[in-house]
N, C-alpha and C. Protein backbone atom coordinates (compact mmCIF):
# COMPACT_ATOMS: atom_id res chain seq x y z
N MET A 1 10.46 14.59 -13.13
CA MET A 1 11.44 14.74 -12.62
C MET A 1 12.83 14.13 -13.65
N SER A 2 13.86 15.53 -13.43
CA SER A 2 14.84 15.07 -14.37
C SER A 2 15.71 13.93 -13.86
N PRO A 3 16.76 13.17 -14.54
CA PRO A 3 17.47 12.07 -14.11
C PRO A 3 18.62 12.82 -13.22
N PRO A 4 19.16 12.27 -12.19
CA PRO A 4 20.32 12.82 -11.56
C PRO A 4 21.77 12.88 -12.06
N VAL A 5 22.35 13.78 -11.73
CA VAL A 5 23.45 14.49 -12.59
C VAL A 5 24.52 12.90 -11.74
N VAL A 6 24.95 12.27 -13.14
CA VAL A 6 25.79 11.09 -13.07
C VAL A 6 27.40 11.45 -12.58
N PRO A 7 27.92 11.31 -11.71
CA PRO A 7 29.21 10.83 -11.50
C PRO A 7 29.96 10.82 -12.94
N MET A 8 31.46 11.14 -13.26
CA MET A 8 31.94 10.87 -14.76
C MET A 8 32.35 9.59 -14.71
N ARG A 9 32.75 8.96 -13.16
CA ARG A 9 32.99 7.54 -13.72
C ARG A 9 32.06 6.47 -14.00
N MET A 10 30.72 7.09 -13.87
CA MET A 10 29.46 6.27 -14.20
C MET A 10 28.84 6.62 -15.24
N ARG A 11 29.30 7.72 -16.03
CA ARG A 11 28.70 7.87 -17.45
C ARG A 11 29.21 7.06 -18.38
N ASP A 12 30.38 6.15 -18.29
CA ASP A 12 30.48 5.36 -19.26
C ASP A 12 29.81 3.68 -18.80
N LYS A 13 29.25 3.46 -17.60
CA LYS A 13 28.66 2.53 -17.23
C LYS A 13 27.00 2.55 -17.58
N VAL A 14 27.01 2.32 -18.73
CA VAL A 14 25.30 2.69 -19.39
C VAL A 14 24.25 1.48 -18.88
N ILE A 15 25.00 -0.03 -18.88
CA ILE A 15 24.38 -1.29 -18.75
C ILE A 15 23.89 -1.05 -17.55
N LEU A 16 24.80 -0.77 -16.32
CA LEU A 16 24.35 -0.39 -14.64
C LEU A 16 23.56 0.63 -14.74
N ARG A 17 23.73 1.53 -15.38
CA ARG A 17 22.44 2.69 -14.97
C ARG A 17 21.10 1.84 -15.21
N VAL A 18 21.19 1.67 -16.35
CA VAL A 18 20.01 1.23 -17.05
C VAL A 18 19.16 0.01 -16.42
N ALA A 19 19.74 -0.87 -15.98
CA ALA A 19 19.25 -1.86 -15.13
C ALA A 19 19.15 -1.71 -13.67
N GLY A 20 20.02 -0.54 -13.15
CA GLY A 20 19.66 -0.01 -11.61
C GLY A 20 18.27 0.71 -11.90
N ARG A 21 17.95 1.53 -12.70
CA ARG A 21 17.02 2.42 -13.00
C ARG A 21 15.67 1.38 -13.06
N SER A 22 15.89 0.18 -13.80
CA SER A 22 14.69 -0.89 -13.71
C SER A 22 14.66 -1.99 -12.79
N LEU A 23 15.71 -1.87 -11.70
CA LEU A 23 15.31 -2.77 -10.47
C LEU A 23 15.00 -1.69 -9.51
N ILE A 24 15.59 -0.86 -9.28
CA ILE A 24 15.17 -0.10 -7.84
C ILE A 24 13.70 -0.20 -7.67
N PRO A 25 12.68 0.68 -8.56
CA PRO A 25 11.78 0.45 -7.87
C PRO A 25 10.89 -0.86 -7.78
N LEU A 26 11.48 -1.76 -8.39
CA LEU A 26 10.92 -3.29 -8.39
C LEU A 26 11.93 -3.89 -6.79
N ILE A 27 12.50 -3.49 -6.47
CA ILE A 27 13.12 -3.59 -5.36
C ILE A 27 12.21 -2.96 -3.84
N VAL A 28 12.15 -1.54 -4.38
CA VAL A 28 11.38 -0.75 -3.25
C VAL A 28 9.66 -1.36 -3.29
N LEU A 29 9.43 -1.96 -4.53
CA LEU A 29 7.80 -2.51 -4.06
C LEU A 29 8.21 -3.73 -3.68
N PHE A 30 9.15 -4.47 -4.00
CA PHE A 30 9.18 -6.02 -3.16
C PHE A 30 9.15 -5.60 -1.57
N GLY A 31 9.78 -4.65 -1.30
CA GLY A 31 10.08 -4.50 0.12
C GLY A 31 8.62 -3.81 0.72
N LEU A 32 7.69 -3.27 0.15
CA LEU A 32 6.44 -2.89 0.67
C LEU A 32 5.48 -4.20 0.28
N TYR A 33 6.08 -5.19 -0.37
CA TYR A 33 4.97 -6.37 -0.33
C TYR A 33 5.00 -7.14 0.79
N VAL A 34 6.65 -6.76 1.30
CA VAL A 34 6.90 -7.96 2.11
C VAL A 34 6.74 -7.34 3.57
N GLN A 35 6.34 -5.70 3.39
CA GLN A 35 5.92 -4.99 4.75
C GLN A 35 4.66 -5.24 5.04
N PHE A 36 3.67 -5.54 4.00
CA PHE A 36 1.85 -5.12 3.81
C PHE A 36 1.72 -6.93 4.31
N HIS A 37 2.74 -7.74 3.84
CA HIS A 37 2.31 -9.22 3.67
C HIS A 37 2.73 -9.93 5.03
N GLY A 38 3.60 -9.36 5.91
CA GLY A 38 4.03 -9.37 6.76
C GLY A 38 3.24 -10.28 8.00
N ASP A 39 2.18 -9.66 8.28
CA ASP A 39 1.12 -10.09 9.13
C ASP A 39 0.46 -11.46 8.69
N PHE A 40 0.50 -11.81 7.21
CA PHE A 40 0.13 -13.06 6.79
C PHE A 40 0.83 -14.27 6.88
N GLY A 41 2.47 -14.08 6.81
CA GLY A 41 3.31 -14.61 6.09
C GLY A 41 4.21 -14.23 6.36
N PRO A 42 5.57 -14.96 6.16
CA PRO A 42 7.00 -14.47 6.51
C PRO A 42 7.35 -13.05 5.81
N GLY A 43 7.88 -12.44 6.34
CA GLY A 43 8.20 -10.91 6.13
C GLY A 43 8.10 -9.96 7.80
N GLY A 44 7.64 -8.82 7.43
CA GLY A 44 7.37 -7.93 8.29
C GLY A 44 8.26 -6.59 8.12
N GLY A 45 8.64 -5.86 9.31
CA GLY A 45 9.04 -4.50 9.01
C GLY A 45 10.21 -4.49 8.68
N PHE A 46 11.13 -5.37 9.46
CA PHE A 46 12.55 -5.33 9.60
C PHE A 46 12.96 -6.11 8.18
N GLN A 47 12.54 -7.11 7.58
CA GLN A 47 12.95 -7.20 6.71
C GLN A 47 12.62 -6.33 5.45
N ALA A 48 11.44 -5.84 5.44
CA ALA A 48 11.28 -4.86 4.52
C ALA A 48 11.80 -3.51 4.42
N GLY A 49 12.31 -3.23 5.68
CA GLY A 49 12.92 -2.43 5.74
C GLY A 49 14.43 -2.31 5.26
N VAL A 50 14.99 -3.44 5.53
CA VAL A 50 16.51 -3.60 4.94
C VAL A 50 16.29 -3.92 3.25
N ILE A 51 15.45 -4.35 2.94
CA ILE A 51 15.21 -4.51 1.45
C ILE A 51 14.65 -3.14 0.76
N ILE A 52 13.77 -2.43 1.40
CA ILE A 52 14.08 -0.87 0.63
C ILE A 52 15.03 0.04 1.00
N ALA A 53 15.93 -0.21 1.76
CA ALA A 53 17.09 0.39 2.07
C ALA A 53 18.19 -0.16 1.16
N ALA A 54 17.84 -1.48 1.02
CA ALA A 54 18.93 -1.64 -0.04
C ALA A 54 18.44 -1.13 -1.70
N GLY A 55 17.20 -0.97 -1.86
CA GLY A 55 17.18 -0.26 -2.73
C GLY A 55 17.52 1.12 -3.58
N PHE A 56 17.77 1.59 -2.24
CA PHE A 56 17.98 3.28 -1.82
C PHE A 56 19.73 2.96 -2.07
N VAL A 57 20.23 2.18 -1.28
CA VAL A 57 21.89 1.59 -1.32
C VAL A 57 22.31 1.97 -2.78
N LEU A 58 21.57 0.93 -3.23
CA LEU A 58 21.98 0.78 -5.08
C LEU A 58 21.70 1.97 -5.90
N TYR A 59 20.86 2.81 -5.68
CA TYR A 59 20.77 3.95 -6.17
C TYR A 59 22.06 4.94 -5.86
N GLY A 60 22.55 4.83 -4.63
CA GLY A 60 23.58 5.49 -3.96
C GLY A 60 24.81 4.95 -4.61
N LEU A 61 25.11 3.56 -4.92
CA LEU A 61 26.15 2.95 -5.59
C LEU A 61 26.21 3.57 -7.08
N ILE A 62 24.88 3.62 -7.93
CA ILE A 62 24.76 3.82 -9.23
C ILE A 62 25.25 5.39 -9.51
N TYR A 63 24.45 6.33 -8.86
CA TYR A 63 24.61 7.43 -8.81
C TYR A 63 25.14 8.29 -8.42
N GLY A 64 25.95 7.86 -6.85
CA GLY A 64 26.60 8.31 -6.17
C GLY A 64 25.99 9.14 -4.96
N LEU A 65 26.68 9.16 -3.61
CA LEU A 65 26.25 9.36 -2.29
C LEU A 65 25.69 11.03 -2.63
N GLU A 66 26.18 11.70 -3.07
CA GLU A 66 25.72 13.44 -3.29
C GLU A 66 24.31 13.27 -4.17
N ALA A 67 23.74 12.28 -4.81
CA ALA A 67 22.71 12.29 -5.46
C ALA A 67 21.45 11.47 -4.98
N LEU A 68 21.75 10.36 -3.84
CA LEU A 68 21.21 10.01 -2.85
C LEU A 68 20.69 10.84 -1.64
N ARG A 69 21.89 11.67 -1.24
CA ARG A 69 21.55 12.53 -0.28
C ARG A 69 20.67 13.64 -0.77
N THR A 70 20.61 13.94 -2.00
CA THR A 70 19.41 14.99 -2.70
C THR A 70 18.34 14.45 -2.19
N LEU A 71 18.45 13.38 -3.14
CA LEU A 71 17.09 12.47 -3.01
C LEU A 71 16.22 12.26 -1.27
N VAL A 72 17.25 11.65 -0.76
CA VAL A 72 17.07 11.39 0.63
C VAL A 72 17.70 11.98 1.70
N PRO A 73 17.45 13.36 2.07
CA PRO A 73 18.35 14.03 2.79
C PRO A 73 18.41 13.44 4.48
N LEU A 74 19.84 13.70 5.16
CA LEU A 74 20.05 12.81 6.27
C LEU A 74 19.01 13.48 7.69
N ARG A 75 18.43 14.96 7.04
CA ARG A 75 17.24 15.29 8.59
C ARG A 75 16.20 14.20 8.27
N ALA A 76 16.09 14.11 6.78
CA ALA A 76 14.67 13.13 7.16
C ALA A 76 15.06 11.91 7.19
N LEU A 77 16.33 11.22 7.32
CA LEU A 77 16.28 9.93 8.25
C LEU A 77 16.34 10.18 9.34
N GLU A 78 16.86 11.70 9.86
CA GLU A 78 16.71 11.27 11.09
C GLU A 78 14.92 11.36 11.65
N VAL A 79 14.55 12.44 11.18
CA VAL A 79 12.99 12.27 11.60
C VAL A 79 12.47 11.13 11.26
N ALA A 80 12.41 10.35 10.33
CA ALA A 80 11.81 9.12 10.14
C ALA A 80 11.84 8.23 11.05
N VAL A 81 13.33 7.91 11.71
CA VAL A 81 13.97 7.05 12.58
C VAL A 81 12.80 7.65 13.99
N SER A 82 12.92 8.42 14.26
CA SER A 82 12.08 8.80 15.46
C SER A 82 10.54 8.84 15.43
N VAL A 83 9.68 9.01 14.05
CA VAL A 83 8.68 8.83 13.82
C VAL A 83 8.36 7.08 13.96
N GLY A 84 9.20 6.77 13.61
CA GLY A 84 8.84 4.75 13.31
C GLY A 84 8.78 4.61 14.97
N VAL A 85 10.07 5.26 15.74
CA VAL A 85 9.63 4.70 17.26
C VAL A 85 8.73 5.31 17.94
N LEU A 86 8.30 6.47 17.33
CA LEU A 86 7.37 7.03 18.24
C LEU A 86 5.93 6.12 17.57
N LEU A 87 5.94 5.95 16.71
CA LEU A 87 4.63 5.17 16.01
C LEU A 87 4.55 3.84 16.65
N TYR A 88 5.86 3.20 17.06
CA TYR A 88 5.79 1.80 17.88
C TYR A 88 5.33 1.60 19.44
N ALA A 89 5.52 2.87 19.89
CA ALA A 89 5.55 3.27 21.10
C ALA A 89 4.53 3.57 21.13
N GLY A 90 3.93 4.41 20.24
CA GLY A 90 2.65 5.00 20.48
C GLY A 90 1.37 3.83 20.51
N VAL A 91 1.74 2.77 19.49
CA VAL A 91 0.54 1.99 20.02
C VAL A 91 0.36 1.14 20.87
N GLY A 92 1.42 1.34 21.88
CA GLY A 92 1.92 0.77 23.15
C GLY A 92 0.83 1.27 24.19
N VAL A 93 1.27 2.75 24.26
CA VAL A 93 0.55 3.49 24.74
C VAL A 93 -0.68 3.43 24.55
N LEU A 94 -1.05 3.62 23.35
CA LEU A 94 -2.59 3.84 23.03
C LEU A 94 -3.33 2.61 24.07
N THR A 95 -3.03 1.38 23.37
CA THR A 95 -3.58 -0.02 23.79
C THR A 95 -3.64 0.07 25.59
N ILE A 96 -2.48 0.93 26.17
CA ILE A 96 -2.50 1.00 27.60
C ILE A 96 -3.70 1.92 27.99
N ALA A 97 -4.11 3.35 26.96
CA ALA A 97 -4.83 3.93 27.12
C ALA A 97 -6.27 3.45 27.27
N LEU A 98 -6.32 2.67 26.19
CA LEU A 98 -7.88 2.04 25.79
C LEU A 98 -8.39 0.82 26.90
N GLY A 99 -7.40 0.54 28.01
CA GLY A 99 -7.76 -0.13 28.83
C GLY A 99 -7.06 -1.53 28.96
N GLY A 100 -6.12 -1.85 28.11
CA GLY A 100 -5.47 -2.70 28.00
C GLY A 100 -3.77 -2.41 28.39
N ASN A 101 -3.47 -4.04 28.04
CA ASN A 101 -1.98 -4.25 28.59
C ASN A 101 -1.00 -3.48 27.33
N PHE A 102 0.13 -3.37 27.53
CA PHE A 102 1.28 -2.73 26.31
C PHE A 102 0.77 -3.38 25.48
N LEU A 103 0.74 -3.01 24.17
CA LEU A 103 0.72 -4.03 22.59
C LEU A 103 -0.30 -4.88 23.11
N ASP A 104 -1.62 -4.87 23.69
CA ASP A 104 -2.95 -5.37 24.08
C ASP A 104 -3.73 -5.14 22.77
N TYR A 105 -3.43 -5.95 21.56
CA TYR A 105 -3.79 -5.15 20.40
C TYR A 105 -5.42 -5.52 20.35
N ASN A 106 -5.83 -6.16 21.34
CA ASN A 106 -7.64 -6.23 21.14
C ASN A 106 -8.48 -5.21 21.99
N ALA A 107 -7.24 -4.60 22.38
CA ALA A 107 -8.11 -3.32 23.35
C ALA A 107 -8.22 -1.73 22.18
N LEU A 108 -7.39 -2.38 20.68
CA LEU A 108 -8.06 -1.47 19.85
C LEU A 108 -9.00 -1.31 19.42
N ASP A 109 -9.91 -2.68 19.04
CA ASP A 109 -11.22 -2.55 18.94
C ASP A 109 -11.79 -3.92 19.29
N PRO A 110 -12.44 -3.44 20.56
CA PRO A 110 -12.82 -4.58 21.35
C PRO A 110 -14.14 -5.40 21.05
N HIS A 111 -14.76 -4.65 20.23
CA HIS A 111 -16.22 -5.21 19.62
C HIS A 111 -15.58 -6.28 18.37
N HIS A 112 -14.55 -6.34 17.82
CA HIS A 112 -13.92 -7.32 16.90
C HIS A 112 -12.32 -7.29 17.02
N PRO A 113 -12.12 -8.12 18.29
CA PRO A 113 -10.73 -8.08 18.50
C PRO A 113 -9.81 -8.67 17.23
N GLU A 114 -10.08 -9.27 16.30
CA GLU A 114 -9.37 -9.59 15.09
C GLU A 114 -9.16 -8.43 14.20
N HIS A 115 -9.93 -7.32 14.27
CA HIS A 115 -9.43 -6.27 13.75
C HIS A 115 -8.59 -5.43 14.34
N GLY A 116 -8.77 -5.43 15.90
CA GLY A 116 -7.91 -4.84 16.50
C GLY A 116 -6.38 -5.55 16.18
N GLN A 117 -6.07 -6.88 16.35
CA GLN A 117 -4.96 -7.58 16.03
C GLN A 117 -4.27 -7.12 14.59
N HIS A 118 -5.32 -6.99 13.75
CA HIS A 118 -4.47 -6.79 12.12
C HIS A 118 -4.21 -5.07 12.54
N LEU A 119 -4.93 -4.09 13.02
CA LEU A 119 -4.53 -2.97 13.06
C LEU A 119 -3.15 -2.94 13.93
N GLY A 120 -3.19 -3.66 15.01
CA GLY A 120 -2.19 -3.27 15.78
C GLY A 120 -0.96 -4.07 15.39
N ILE A 121 -0.88 -5.10 14.70
CA ILE A 121 0.40 -5.90 13.82
C ILE A 121 0.46 -4.95 12.97
N LEU A 122 -0.13 -4.32 12.13
CA LEU A 122 0.37 -3.43 10.74
C LEU A 122 0.64 -2.00 11.42
N MET A 123 0.30 -0.98 12.31
CA MET A 123 1.04 -0.21 12.83
C MET A 123 2.71 -0.42 13.48
N ILE A 124 2.40 -1.42 14.33
CA ILE A 124 3.92 -1.97 14.45
C ILE A 124 4.88 -1.92 13.51
N GLU A 125 4.30 -3.09 12.37
CA GLU A 125 5.35 -3.34 11.51
C GLU A 125 5.72 -1.87 10.65
N ALA A 126 4.81 -1.22 10.27
CA ALA A 126 4.98 -0.01 10.06
C ALA A 126 5.99 0.90 10.48
N GLY A 127 5.78 0.88 11.92
CA GLY A 127 7.12 1.49 12.80
C GLY A 127 8.76 0.71 12.76
N VAL A 128 8.26 -0.23 12.63
CA VAL A 128 9.73 -1.11 12.35
C VAL A 128 10.19 -0.93 11.24
N GLY A 129 9.44 -0.79 10.09
CA GLY A 129 10.00 -0.54 8.76
C GLY A 129 10.25 0.42 8.26
N ILE A 130 9.74 1.65 8.93
CA ILE A 130 10.24 2.93 9.04
C ILE A 130 11.77 2.92 9.67
N THR A 131 11.59 2.78 10.52
CA THR A 131 13.05 3.06 11.75
C THR A 131 13.96 2.08 11.01
N VAL A 132 13.87 0.88 10.76
CA VAL A 132 14.86 0.28 9.95
C VAL A 132 15.30 0.48 8.60
N THR A 133 14.17 1.03 7.52
CA THR A 133 14.89 1.76 7.00
C THR A 133 15.74 2.57 6.83
N SER A 134 15.32 3.90 7.55
CA SER A 134 16.14 5.32 8.22
C SER A 134 17.32 4.85 8.74
N ALA A 135 17.59 3.78 9.64
CA ALA A 135 18.60 3.48 10.44
C ALA A 135 19.74 2.70 9.27
N MET A 136 19.48 2.03 8.41
CA MET A 136 20.33 1.55 7.41
C MET A 136 20.88 2.60 6.42
N LEU A 137 19.72 3.47 6.08
CA LEU A 137 20.42 4.50 5.19
C LEU A 137 21.60 5.40 5.64
N ALA A 138 21.01 5.68 6.94
CA ALA A 138 21.95 6.44 8.00
C ALA A 138 23.24 5.83 8.33
N ILE A 139 23.05 4.41 8.23
CA ILE A 139 24.74 3.57 8.23
C ILE A 139 25.33 3.92 7.09
N TYR A 140 24.73 3.71 5.92
CA TYR A 140 24.75 3.98 4.38
C TYR A 140 25.74 5.12 4.49
N TYR A 141 24.79 5.94 4.75
CA TYR A 141 25.67 7.75 4.92
C TYR A 141 26.92 7.69 5.50
N MET A 142 26.84 7.22 6.87
CA MET A 142 27.94 7.28 7.60
C MET A 142 29.52 6.76 7.12
N PHE A 143 29.08 5.46 6.41
CA PHE A 143 30.27 4.43 5.87
C PHE A 143 30.29 4.97 4.54
N ALA A 144 29.78 5.65 3.90
CA ALA A 144 29.93 5.78 2.04
C ALA A 144 30.34 7.39 2.01
N GLY A 145 30.40 8.29 3.75
CA GLY A 145 30.72 9.25 3.43
C GLY A 145 32.21 9.62 4.05
N ARG A 146 32.93 8.20 4.32
CA ARG A 146 34.12 8.45 5.04
C ARG A 146 35.04 9.00 3.73
N SER A 147 36.25 9.14 4.08
CA SER A 147 37.48 9.69 3.29
C SER A 147 38.38 8.91 3.86
């Protein structure tokens, strides 16, 4: 993958670009850690979504809004917000279909309820993380795109 086209005002900010290029993957990786560690300790979908979105916002601040829109188009954000909400609601509907209450994770695996709890929380937190990341980036697009 070729590096993004850097706006003229950022070409003389070499340290910022190099630091950003090394920090952005670490920020996203930390966000994924918070996402998948959220059912065992502090963290979860909302916090992970904000952290991951912050990595993309940093990319947009360094390389420009158009480079970020090329990397993550607005249409992809619209679809991702919907997928996240549908994943969250879908888990609830699935638990009802399996004979439990809305978001009763024990219904996901009645023979091993703790497995059902883990699976349910993982899917719910993934839906929240996807939705929050997409919503935060859409908000950034709207504010950064104003003239």
